[in-house]
Amino acid sequence: MKSQLSGKFSEKDNGIFALRKKLIRAGIEIEFPFSDGIAGEYKGIATTFVPTPERTFYDVELAFFEAIRRNPIHIVHNKHDKDCGYIGESASVEIAYAILHGKPVVLLYKPTFSDKVHSAVKRLIETNISNLFIKRLDSLSKQKMATYLWEAIKNFSGEYTYDIETEVSVMGCITDLFAQYKSR
């Protein structure tokens, strides 16, 4: 099984990297983040790679969204420092993208949103909270973690609730975020 992780990269909290290592030990191939730590910073954003002209931040973000669309499940490490449930702007649009593409989403905690999260994105996630999987993956054994993820994929109904207006608004948010990345 392949997946990717959303969450805050921070020197203050390496939880996303610890979860990545644990998922890999459980036999889950994690495409993003690339490494087990922060490699640097690119225009104010912590990165797990060093951007180059051949592999820009923008290109890596496009590849991340492609992984969300391609992989069978999306995992979110939604804890930052002491804020259990933290969802920032980037993670929120990644979750929304997974929802719009009918992917099961696993969060560690019930989400709490940063002020930067767009209202349409927040509304989409909150409307579909009962269809998201909320489980402390980080506290499970390797075997239980892998089993839980396989069961989430198998048992996922594939149904999320949203209307065209919400879909268009959310896709606009994603487009705006990518425009910010491209202009950096």
Protein backbone atom coordinates (compact mmCIF):
# COMPACT_ATOMS: atom_id res chain seq x y z
CA MET A 1 0.00 0.00 0.00
CA LYS A 2 1.16 3.51 -0.80
CA SER A 3 0.09 6.73 0.86
CA GLN A 4 1.26 10.21 1.73
CA LEU A 5 1.14 12.27 4.89
CA SER A 6 -0.25 15.75 5.38
CA GLY A 7 0.67 17.77 8.41
CA LYS A 8 2.81 20.56 9.76
CA PHE A 9 6.58 20.32 9.34
CA SER A 10 8.15 22.01 12.32
CA GLU A 11 11.30 21.97 14.41
CA LYS A 12 8.97 22.16 17.45
CA ASP A 13 7.17 18.89 16.68
CA ASN A 14 8.66 15.95 14.79
CA GLY A 15 5.52 13.82 15.19
CA ILE A 16 4.83 13.66 11.45
CA PHE A 17 8.29 12.19 10.90
CA ALA A 18 7.88 9.67 13.72
CA LEU A 19 4.55 8.59 12.20
CA ARG A 20 6.20 8.31 8.77
CA LYS A 21 8.86 5.98 10.18
CA LYS A 22 6.26 3.87 11.96
CA LEU A 23 4.09 3.58 8.83
CA ILE A 24 7.13 2.48 6.81
CA ARG A 25 8.01 -0.13 9.45
CA ALA A 26 4.38 -1.34 9.16
CA GLY A 27 4.92 -1.93 5.44
CA ILE A 28 3.21 1.21 4.16
CA GLU A 29 5.14 3.00 1.42
CA ILE A 30 5.07 6.73 2.19
CA GLU A 31 5.73 8.88 -0.88
CA PHE A 32 5.55 12.23 0.95
CA PRO A 33 7.24 13.56 2.98
CA PHE A 34 10.46 12.44 1.31
CA SER A 35 12.57 12.16 4.43
CA ASP A 36 12.52 11.81 8.19
CA GLY A 37 13.22 15.44 8.91
CA ILE A 38 13.31 18.99 7.71
CA ALA A 39 15.99 19.53 5.06
CA GLY A 40 15.65 23.28 5.02
CA GLU A 41 13.33 26.15 4.42
CA TYR A 42 12.09 27.58 1.17
CA LYS A 43 10.71 31.11 1.39
CA GLY A 44 9.33 30.60 4.87
CA ILE A 45 8.06 27.06 4.36
CA ALA A 46 9.83 24.09 5.97
CA THR A 47 10.76 21.43 3.41
CA THR A 48 11.92 17.83 3.49
CA PHE A 49 14.01 18.32 0.35
CA VAL A 50 16.24 20.99 -1.11
CA PRO A 51 14.50 22.68 -4.05
CA THR A 52 16.49 22.96 -7.25
CA PRO A 53 15.67 24.40 -10.68
CA GLU A 54 14.97 20.81 -11.80
CA ARG A 55 12.82 19.99 -8.74
CA THR A 56 11.05 23.11 -7.52
CA PHE A 57 8.78 23.46 -4.52
CA TYR A 58 5.87 23.96 -6.93
CA ASP A 59 6.71 20.74 -8.83
CA VAL A 60 6.90 18.73 -5.61
CA GLU A 61 3.53 20.09 -4.47
CA LEU A 62 2.00 19.07 -7.82
CA ALA A 63 3.45 15.58 -7.34
CA PHE A 64 2.03 15.46 -3.81
CA PHE A 65 -1.48 16.21 -5.08
CA GLU A 66 -1.03 13.59 -7.81
CA ALA A 67 -0.13 11.08 -5.06
CA ILE A 68 -3.33 11.97 -3.19
CA ARG A 69 -5.33 11.27 -6.34
CA ARG A 70 -3.44 8.06 -7.17
CA ASN A 71 -3.03 6.39 -3.76
CA PRO A 72 -5.81 4.48 -2.02
CA ILE A 73 -5.82 6.45 1.25
CA HIS A 74 -4.74 9.84 2.61
CA ILE A 75 -3.22 10.09 6.11
CA VAL A 76 -3.05 13.30 8.12
CA HIS A 77 -0.83 13.94 11.14
CA ASN A 78 -3.03 16.67 12.60
CA LYS A 79 -1.09 17.59 15.69
CA HIS A 80 1.26 20.50 16.04
CA ASP A 81 3.08 21.09 19.30
CA LYS A 82 0.30 20.80 21.91
CA ASP A 83 -2.57 21.44 19.48
CA CYS A 84 -4.13 18.01 18.98
CA GLY A 85 -6.33 18.28 15.89
CA TYR A 86 -4.43 21.14 14.22
CA ILE A 87 -5.26 21.59 10.52
CA GLY A 88 -3.49 24.44 8.72
CA GLU A 89 -4.15 25.91 5.30
CA SER A 90 -2.09 23.41 3.27
CA ALA A 91 -3.28 20.29 5.09
CA SER A 92 -6.88 21.48 4.83
CA VAL A 93 -6.77 21.79 1.04
CA GLU A 94 -5.00 18.42 0.82
CA ILE A 95 -7.80 16.83 2.85
CA ALA A 96 -10.39 18.60 0.71
CA TYR A 97 -8.68 17.37 -2.45
CA ALA A 98 -8.77 13.79 -1.12
CA ILE A 99 -12.48 14.20 -0.32
CA LEU A 100 -13.23 15.56 -3.80
CA HIS A 101 -11.43 12.53 -5.26
CA GLY A 102 -13.34 10.06 -3.10
CA LYS A 103 -10.38 8.91 -1.01
CA PRO A 104 -10.65 7.71 2.58
CA VAL A 105 -8.94 10.17 4.93
CA VAL A 106 -7.44 9.18 8.27
CA LEU A 107 -6.73 11.84 10.91
CA LEU A 108 -5.17 11.31 14.32
CA TYR A 109 -7.62 13.67 16.06
CA LYS A 110 -10.90 15.43 15.43
CA PRO A 111 -9.88 18.50 13.40
CA THR A 112 -9.42 22.00 14.75
CA PHE A 113 -8.76 24.60 12.09
CA SER A 114 -6.22 27.38 11.78
CA ASP A 115 -7.60 30.82 11.01
CA LYS A 116 -5.95 30.53 7.57
CA VAL A 117 -8.30 27.72 6.47
CA HIS A 118 -10.77 28.96 3.85
CA SER A 119 -14.41 28.74 4.92
CA ALA A 120 -15.42 26.53 1.94
CA VAL A 121 -12.65 24.05 2.72
CA LYS A 122 -13.55 24.00 6.41
CA ARG A 123 -17.24 23.54 5.58
CA LEU A 124 -16.44 20.60 3.24
CA ILE A 125 -14.38 18.83 5.91
CA GLU A 126 -16.87 19.52 8.71
CA THR A 127 -19.82 18.37 6.57
CA ASN A 128 -18.05 15.07 5.96
CA ILE A 129 -16.54 14.50 9.39
CA SER A 130 -18.62 11.34 9.92
CA ASN A 131 -17.04 9.82 6.77
CA LEU A 132 -13.47 10.54 7.89
CA PHE A 133 -11.52 8.03 9.94
CA ILE A 134 -10.21 9.43 13.21
CA LYS A 135 -7.72 7.12 14.87
CA ARG A 136 -4.51 7.52 16.84
CA LEU A 137 -2.41 5.62 14.32
CA ASP A 138 0.70 6.79 16.17
CA SER A 139 -0.32 4.75 19.23
CA LEU A 140 -1.02 1.48 17.37
CA SER A 141 1.38 -1.40 16.86
CA LYS A 142 2.73 -1.88 13.35
CA GLN A 143 0.38 -4.79 12.71
CA LYS A 144 -2.70 -2.99 14.06
CA MET A 145 -1.80 0.14 12.09
CA ALA A 146 -1.53 -1.75 8.79
CA THR A 147 -4.72 -3.70 9.51
CA TYR A 148 -6.60 -0.51 10.39
CA LEU A 149 -5.56 1.20 7.16
CA TRP A 150 -6.47 -1.81 5.00
CA GLU A 151 -9.85 -2.03 6.75
CA ALA A 152 -10.45 1.70 6.27
CA ILE A 153 -9.86 1.30 2.54
CA LYS A 154 -12.02 -1.81 2.34
CA ASN A 155 -14.91 -0.40 4.40
CA PHE A 156 -14.91 3.13 3.00
CA SER A 157 -18.23 3.92 1.35
CA GLY A 158 -16.64 6.31 -1.13
CA GLU A 159 -19.40 8.79 -0.47
CA TYR A 160 -18.87 12.34 0.59
CA THR A 161 -21.45 15.11 0.62
CA TYR A 162 -20.91 18.37 -1.27
CA ASP A 163 -22.54 20.46 -3.95
CA ILE A 164 -21.07 21.93 -7.12
CA GLU A 165 -20.67 25.37 -5.51
CA THR A 166 -18.57 23.90 -2.70
CA GLU A 167 -16.51 21.87 -5.16
CA VAL A 168 -15.80 24.93 -7.29
CA SER A 169 -14.92 27.02 -4.23
CA VAL A 170 -12.55 24.37 -2.89
CA MET A 171 -10.86 23.90 -6.26
CA GLY A 172 -10.46 27.69 -6.38
CA CYS A 173 -8.71 27.56 -3.00
CA ILE A 174 -6.36 24.88 -4.31
CA THR A 175 -5.67 26.95 -7.44
CA ASP A 176 -4.95 30.02 -5.29
CA LEU A 177 -2.57 28.04 -3.07
CA PHE A 178 -0.67 26.77 -6.11
CA ALA A 179 -0.52 30.29 -7.51
CA GLN A 180 1.15 31.35 -4.24
CA TYR A 181 3.63 28.47 -4.54
CA LYS A 182 4.44 29.29 -8.16
CA SER A 183 5.03 32.98 -7.40
CA ARG A 184 7.39 32.33 -4.50
